[in-house]
Protein backbone atom coordinates (compact mmCIF):
# COMPACT_ATOMS: atom_id res chain seq x y z
CA UNK A 1 -0.81 -12.60 -3.17
CA UNK A 2 0.53 -9.09 -2.95
CA UNK A 3 -0.19 -5.52 -1.92
CA UNK A 4 -1.23 -2.79 -4.29
CA UNK A 5 1.33 -0.25 -5.46
CA UNK A 6 -0.24 2.62 -3.50
CA UNK A 7 -0.30 0.59 -0.29
CA UNK A 8 3.32 -0.51 -0.75
CA UNK A 9 4.45 3.05 -1.46
CA UNK A 10 2.80 4.42 1.68
CA UNK A 11 4.08 1.51 3.76
CA UNK A 12 7.65 2.01 2.50
CA UNK A 13 7.56 5.71 3.41
CA UNK A 14 6.33 4.95 6.93
CA UNK A 15 8.80 2.09 7.31
CA UNK A 16 11.72 4.32 6.29
CA UNK A 17 10.53 7.00 8.73
CA UNK A 18 10.35 4.40 11.51
CA UNK A 19 13.87 3.15 10.79
CA UNK A 20 15.24 6.70 10.76
CA UNK A 21 13.38 7.57 13.95
CA UNK A 22 14.89 4.51 15.63
CA UNK A 23 18.37 5.57 14.55
CA UNK A 24 17.82 9.13 15.78
CA UNK A 25 16.58 7.89 19.15
CA UNK A 26 19.68 5.74 19.58
CA UNK A 27 21.95 8.64 18.63
CA UNK A 28 20.16 11.02 20.99
CA UNK A 29 20.24 8.51 23.82
CA UNK A 30 23.96 8.03 23.35
CA UNK A 31 24.50 11.81 23.34
CA UNK A 32 22.56 12.04 26.60
CA UNK A 33 24.85 9.40 28.11
CA UNK A 34 27.95 11.26 26.85
CA UNK A 35 26.73 14.46 28.44
CA UNK A 36 26.08 12.80 31.78
CA UNK A 37 29.10 10.49 31.65
CA UNK A 38 31.91 12.11 29.61
CA UNK A 39 34.15 9.13 30.33
CA UNK A 40 31.92 6.96 28.10
CA UNK A 41 32.62 9.28 25.16
CA UNK A 42 36.36 9.02 25.86
CA UNK A 43 36.10 5.23 25.97
CA UNK A 44 34.18 5.08 22.66
CA UNK A 45 36.82 7.26 20.99
CA UNK A 46 39.54 5.03 22.39
CA UNK A 47 37.74 1.88 21.21
CA UNK A 48 37.50 3.24 17.68
CA UNK A 49 41.22 4.06 17.72
CA UNK A 50 42.11 0.50 18.82
CA UNK A 51 40.27 -0.84 15.79
CA UNK A 52 42.35 1.44 13.58
CA UNK A 53 45.52 0.18 15.29
CA UNK A 54 44.55 -3.44 14.57
CA UNK A 55 44.05 -2.65 10.88
CA UNK A 56 47.34 -0.72 10.78
CA UNK A 57 49.37 -3.63 12.16
CA UNK A 58 47.55 -6.18 10.04
CA UNK A 59 48.62 -4.45 6.82
CA UNK A 60 52.26 -3.79 7.70
CA UNK A 61 54.73 -5.67 5.56
CA UNK A 62 57.77 -7.45 6.99
CA UNK A 63 56.43 -7.62 10.56
CA UNK A 64 54.66 -10.28 12.54
CA UNK A 65 51.67 -8.35 13.93
CA UNK A 66 50.53 -11.15 16.27
CA UNK A 67 51.99 -9.78 19.50
CA UNK A 68 50.95 -6.19 18.76
CA UNK A 69 47.42 -7.22 17.85
CA UNK A 70 47.19 -9.33 21.01
CA UNK A 71 48.15 -6.33 23.13
CA UNK A 72 45.66 -4.09 21.34
CA UNK A 73 42.88 -6.62 21.90
CA UNK A 74 43.67 -6.79 25.62
CA UNK A 75 43.51 -3.00 25.72
CA UNK A 76 40.22 -3.11 23.82
CA UNK A 77 38.71 -5.62 26.26
CA UNK A 78 39.74 -3.49 29.22
CA UNK A 79 38.09 -0.43 27.66
CA UNK A 80 34.90 -2.40 26.98
CA UNK A 81 34.78 -3.69 30.54
CA UNK A 82 35.18 -0.19 31.96
CA UNK A 83 32.48 1.11 29.62
CA UNK A 84 30.09 -1.72 30.57
CA UNK A 85 30.68 -1.10 34.28
CA UNK A 86 29.88 2.63 33.98
CA UNK A 87 26.70 1.91 31.99
CA UNK A 88 25.58 -0.78 34.43
CA UNK A 89 26.05 1.51 37.41
CA UNK A 90 24.12 4.21 35.55
CA UNK A 91 21.23 1.81 34.88
CA UNK A 92 21.71 1.46 31.11
CA UNK A 93 21.74 -1.77 29.15
CA UNK A 94 24.45 -2.13 26.52
CA UNK A 95 21.92 -3.11 23.81
CA UNK A 96 19.97 0.10 24.40
CA UNK A 97 22.90 2.17 23.17
CA UNK A 98 24.39 -0.14 20.58
CA UNK A 99 24.04 0.90 16.98
CA UNK A 100 22.04 -1.60 14.98
CA UNK A 101 18.91 -2.10 12.88
CA UNK A 102 15.39 -1.80 14.20
CA UNK A 103 14.72 -5.33 12.90
CA UNK A 104 17.66 -7.70 13.18
CA UNK A 105 15.84 -10.33 11.12
CA UNK A 106 15.92 -8.31 7.88
CA UNK A 107 18.44 -5.59 8.79
CA UNK A 108 15.79 -2.91 8.10
CA UNK A 109 15.52 -3.88 4.43
CA UNK A 110 11.96 -5.13 4.85
CA UNK A 111 12.79 -8.44 3.20
CA UNK A 112 14.51 -11.68 4.13
CA UNK A 113 15.75 -12.85 0.77
CA UNK A 114 12.73 -12.42 -1.50
CA UNK A 115 10.23 -12.85 1.33
CA UNK A 116 8.61 -9.81 2.94
CA UNK A 117 9.67 -9.52 6.58
CA UNK A 118 7.02 -9.46 9.29
CA UNK A 119 8.12 -5.97 10.35
CA UNK A 120 7.40 -4.48 6.93
CA UNK A 121 4.27 -6.60 6.42
CA UNK A 122 2.77 -5.00 9.54
CA UNK A 123 3.07 -1.56 7.89
CA UNK A 124 1.51 -2.89 4.66
CA UNK A 125 -1.42 -4.40 6.52
CA UNK A 126 -2.03 -1.18 8.43
CA UNK A 127 -2.04 0.89 5.23
CA UNK A 128 -4.37 -1.65 3.58
CA UNK A 129 -6.74 -1.40 6.56
CA UNK A 130 -6.72 2.40 6.35
CA UNK A 131 -7.69 2.26 2.67
CA UNK A 132 -10.45 -0.22 3.36
CA UNK A 133 -11.81 1.70 6.36
CA UNK A 134 -12.05 4.90 4.32
CA UNK A 135 -14.11 3.04 1.70
CA UNK A 136 -16.35 1.12 4.09
CA UNK A 137 -17.19 3.97 6.42
CA UNK A 138 -20.08 2.94 8.67
CA UNK A 139 -20.19 -0.57 7.21
CA UNK A 140 -16.81 -1.44 8.68
CA UNK A 141 -18.19 -3.87 11.25
CA UNK A 142 -17.19 -7.30 12.53
CA UNK A 143 -18.83 -10.68 12.11
CA UNK A 144 -19.80 -10.87 15.78
CA UNK A 145 -21.97 -7.76 15.32
CA UNK A 146 -24.22 -9.57 12.85
CA UNK A 147 -27.56 -10.54 14.42
CA UNK A 148 -29.96 -13.22 13.20
CA UNK A 149 -32.74 -11.76 15.34
CA UNK A 150 -34.00 -9.64 12.43
CA UNK A 151 -34.75 -12.71 10.29
CA UNK A 152 -38.06 -14.54 10.57
CA UNK A 153 -38.30 -18.20 11.57
CA UNK A 154 -41.40 -18.65 9.37
CA UNK A 155 -40.86 -20.83 6.29
CA UNK A 156 -40.64 -18.86 3.04
CA UNK A 157 -43.09 -20.63 0.66
CA UNK A 158 -40.96 -19.76 -2.37
CA UNK A 159 -37.77 -21.22 -0.92
CA UNK A 160 -38.96 -23.91 1.49
CA UNK A 161 -36.72 -22.54 4.25
CA UNK A 162 -37.03 -19.78 6.81
CA UNK A 163 -35.06 -16.55 6.36
CA UNK A 164 -33.29 -17.22 9.67
CA UNK A 165 -32.13 -20.68 8.60
CA UNK A 166 -31.00 -19.34 5.23
CA UNK A 167 -29.15 -16.41 6.78
CA UNK A 168 -27.51 -18.61 9.41
CA UNK A 169 -26.12 -20.72 6.57
CA UNK A 170 -24.98 -17.62 4.69
CA UNK A 171 -23.38 -16.16 7.81
CA UNK A 172 -21.37 -19.33 8.46
CA UNK A 173 -20.37 -19.49 4.79
CA UNK A 174 -19.09 -15.89 4.89
CA UNK A 175 -17.16 -16.42 8.14
CA UNK A 176 -15.48 -19.57 6.84
CA UNK A 177 -14.81 -17.95 3.47
CA UNK A 178 -13.06 -14.99 5.10
CA UNK A 179 -11.03 -16.94 7.64
CA UNK A 180 -9.87 -19.54 5.12
CA UNK A 181 -9.44 -17.18 2.19
CA UNK A 182 -6.73 -17.95 -0.34
CA UNK A 183 -6.10 -17.32 -4.02
CA UNK A 184 -7.85 -20.66 -4.59
CA UNK A 185 -11.10 -19.41 -3.02
CA UNK A 186 -14.14 -19.30 -5.27
CA UNK A 187 -16.07 -16.15 -6.10
CA UNK A 188 -19.34 -15.24 -4.39
CA UNK A 189 -22.57 -13.72 -5.70
CA UNK A 190 -24.70 -12.22 -2.93
CA UNK A 191 -28.17 -11.26 -4.09
CA UNK A 192 -31.52 -10.50 -2.52
CA UNK A 193 -33.62 -7.54 -1.42
CA UNK A 194 -32.31 -4.31 0.05
CA UNK A 195 -31.24 -4.03 3.67
CA UNK A 196 -30.62 -7.75 4.27
CA UNK A 197 -26.93 -7.60 5.21
CA UNK A 198 -25.14 -8.10 1.89
CA UNK A 199 -22.97 -5.01 2.24
CA UNK A 200 -22.32 -5.63 5.93
CA UNK A 201 -21.18 -9.24 5.48
CA UNK A 202 -19.06 -8.45 2.43
CA UNK A 203 -17.40 -5.66 4.44
CA UNK A 204 -16.68 -8.13 7.24
CA UNK A 205 -15.07 -10.47 4.71
CA UNK A 206 -12.96 -7.60 3.41
CA UNK A 207 -11.65 -6.70 6.86
CA UNK A 208 -10.79 -10.30 7.70
CA UNK A 209 -9.07 -10.97 4.36
CA UNK A 210 -6.99 -7.79 4.69
CA UNK A 211 -5.88 -9.05 8.10
CA UNK A 212 -4.57 -12.20 6.41
CA UNK A 213 -2.27 -10.07 4.27
CA UNK A 214 -4.20 -10.02 0.99
CA UNK A 215 -5.00 -6.92 -1.04
CA UNK A 216 -8.69 -6.06 -1.24
CA UNK A 217 -10.57 -3.51 -3.32
CA UNK A 218 -14.05 -2.76 -2.00
CA UNK A 219 -16.13 -0.30 -4.00
CA UNK A 220 -19.56 0.32 -5.45
CA UNK A 221 -20.46 -0.67 -9.00
CA UNK A 222 -21.36 2.96 -9.72
CA UNK A 223 -17.88 4.23 -8.88
CA UNK A 224 -15.98 1.35 -10.50
CA UNK A 225 -17.82 1.64 -13.83
CA UNK A 226 -17.42 5.42 -13.75
CA UNK A 227 -13.64 5.07 -13.33
CA UNK A 228 -13.41 2.47 -16.08
CA UNK A 229 -15.45 4.57 -18.48
CA UNK A 230 -13.42 7.72 -17.86
CA UNK A 231 -10.20 5.80 -18.30
CA UNK A 232 -11.36 4.46 -21.66
CA UNK A 233 -12.86 7.64 -23.07
CA UNK A 234 -10.69 10.25 -21.34
CA UNK A 235 -11.08 12.69 -18.49
CA UNK A 236 -10.05 10.31 -15.69
CA UNK A 237 -8.14 11.72 -12.75
CA UNK A 238 -4.96 9.91 -11.60
CA UNK A 239 -6.97 8.42 -8.74
CA UNK A 240 -9.67 7.16 -11.12
CA UNK A 241 -7.03 5.66 -13.43
CA UNK A 242 -5.48 3.92 -10.48
CA UNK A 243 -8.84 2.50 -9.44
CA UNK A 244 -9.33 1.07 -12.92
CA UNK A 245 -6.00 -0.75 -12.53
CA UNK A 246 -6.68 -1.91 -8.97
CA UNK A 247 -9.90 -3.65 -10.03
CA UNK A 248 -7.87 -6.26 -11.91
CA UNK A 249 -4.70 -6.25 -9.78
CA UNK A 250 -6.13 -6.88 -6.31
CA UNK A 251 -6.32 -10.33 -4.71
CA UNK A 252 -10.01 -9.90 -3.86
CA UNK A 253 -12.43 -7.52 -5.57
CA UNK A 254 -15.72 -6.75 -3.84
CA UNK A 255 -18.17 -5.05 -6.19
CA UNK A 256 -21.07 -3.71 -4.13
CA UNK A 257 -24.60 -2.80 -5.28
CA UNK A 258 -24.37 -4.10 -8.83
CA UNK A 259 -27.47 -2.90 -10.67
CA UNK A 260 -27.66 0.56 -9.10
CA UNK A 261 -25.48 2.09 -11.83
CA UNK A 262 -26.94 3.71 -14.94
CA UNK A 263 -27.55 1.05 -17.65
CA UNK A 264 -25.34 2.40 -20.43
CA UNK A 265 -23.87 0.62 -23.45
CA UNK A 266 -20.50 0.65 -21.67
CA UNK A 267 -21.50 -1.16 -18.47
CA UNK A 268 -22.31 -4.68 -19.72
CA UNK A 269 -19.01 -5.14 -21.64
CA UNK A 270 -17.09 -3.65 -18.69
CA UNK A 271 -18.76 -6.05 -16.26
CA UNK A 272 -18.04 -9.01 -18.53
CA UNK A 273 -14.40 -7.92 -18.76
CA UNK A 274 -14.14 -7.79 -14.95
CA UNK A 275 -15.94 -11.09 -14.33
CA UNK A 276 -14.29 -13.06 -17.12
CA UNK A 277 -10.84 -11.45 -16.73
CA UNK A 278 -10.60 -12.19 -13.02
CA UNK A 279 -11.86 -15.75 -13.54
CA UNK A 280 -9.17 -16.34 -16.15
CA UNK A 281 -6.51 -14.97 -13.79
CA UNK A 282 -7.81 -17.08 -10.91
CA UNK A 283 -8.63 -14.06 -8.75
CA UNK A 284 -11.71 -14.28 -6.49
CA UNK A 285 -14.48 -11.71 -6.73
CA UNK A 286 -17.51 -10.95 -4.55
CA UNK A 287 -20.50 -9.28 -6.18
CA UNK A 288 -23.54 -8.07 -4.26
CA UNK A 289 -26.77 -7.07 -5.97
CA UNK A 290 -30.46 -6.53 -5.29
CA UNK A 291 -31.18 -8.25 -8.61
CA UNK A 292 -32.00 -11.94 -9.06
CA UNK A 293 -30.05 -14.10 -11.50
CA UNK A 294 -32.85 -13.69 -14.04
CA UNK A 295 -32.80 -9.91 -13.66
CA UNK A 296 -29.00 -9.87 -13.96
CA UNK A 297 -29.27 -11.88 -17.19
CA UNK A 298 -31.82 -9.48 -18.68
CA UNK A 299 -30.03 -6.32 -17.51
CA UNK A 300 -26.53 -7.30 -18.64
CA UNK A 301 -26.27 -10.41 -20.81
CA UNK A 302 -26.87 -14.18 -20.70
CA UNK A 303 -23.09 -14.65 -21.01
CA UNK A 304 -22.48 -12.74 -17.77
CA UNK A 305 -25.28 -14.59 -16.00
CA UNK A 306 -23.80 -17.88 -17.22
CA UNK A 307 -20.42 -16.99 -15.73
CA UNK A 308 -22.03 -16.03 -12.45
CA UNK A 309 -24.18 -19.16 -12.24
CA UNK A 310 -21.41 -21.51 -13.32
CA UNK A 311 -18.38 -20.10 -11.48
CA UNK A 312 -19.75 -18.19 -8.46
CA UNK A 313 -21.24 -19.53 -5.24
CA UNK A 314 -24.71 -17.96 -5.12
CA UNK A 315 -25.84 -16.75 -1.68
CA UNK A 316 -29.51 -15.71 -1.80
CA UNK A 317 -30.43 -13.36 1.08
CA UNK A 318 -33.95 -13.66 2.51
CA UNK A 319 -35.98 -11.57 4.95
CA UNK A 320 -37.33 -8.07 5.52
CA UNK A 321 -35.31 -4.85 5.21
CA UNK A 322 -33.38 -4.55 8.49
CA UNK A 323 -33.09 -0.78 8.14
CA UNK A 324 -36.89 -0.45 7.97
CA UNK A 325 -37.28 -2.77 10.95
CA UNK A 326 -34.92 -0.61 12.99
CA UNK A 327 -36.65 2.56 11.85
CA UNK A 328 -39.98 1.11 12.99
CA UNK A 329 -38.50 0.06 16.31
CA UNK A 330 -38.72 -3.66 15.59
């Protein structure tokens, strides 16, 4: 489980900016207090000098510094009490002006030991969501927006179940998959006709999984294969090269609209590399396609179809194109 390099880099920049902004606000607030209450500035200068006096006496040779240090500490306490009284009368809390980190748990490092702190994780999750939202566009919905009303209750003679019953099962599977996602989750193959909700439900999974702190790459087969091909044969932009890396690095890959890409000699080996490579690394993948398992086998290879049938949970979408139903006012 981990965030992609680009997401981490953006999150680190924003985190550093937030820490610096916090420090600037504290400094400015203290300057405002000094301007309004000059005595507070005098007290702070005096407090710093008492600390220097303590160090001076502590390092003197041939003298017992105990009495001197005791007197300095009494002086220090008196200065602190006067300072606290002025601030209290002025309506300030001591902690509002004290220098210190934005996050006391990690000291603004972003990590507690080797574990990412919650403060930094929040920035990573936000950057991951931004990346995902830019890719999903209008498909960036939520599970509760999915409606079963568009699916018929009539039994499909080929499947022995109604589209609504089938889609209710698929909906519940997708919700549970997303909410309980882990690196032990299995891969999914969503296939069926166009406009039946494959892209929408896979996008909902992506949003939920990102919220759990996992890295997700959601992209079309056309774009992914294009990036991979350019990386292999040259001419790839830095962004395209990065996409080729992200396909294998991410915790969850969602490959949308498999079968809409041009059937070139490069595609089938590239798809096998993705499917087999991620299976070997134990990384879940979701593939959506308008093609049946038989059509996938003929278009790509029996080896790929075997991997999909043997290792993926197959969710077969039934019904009539929802987009056409909406267009016809159904």
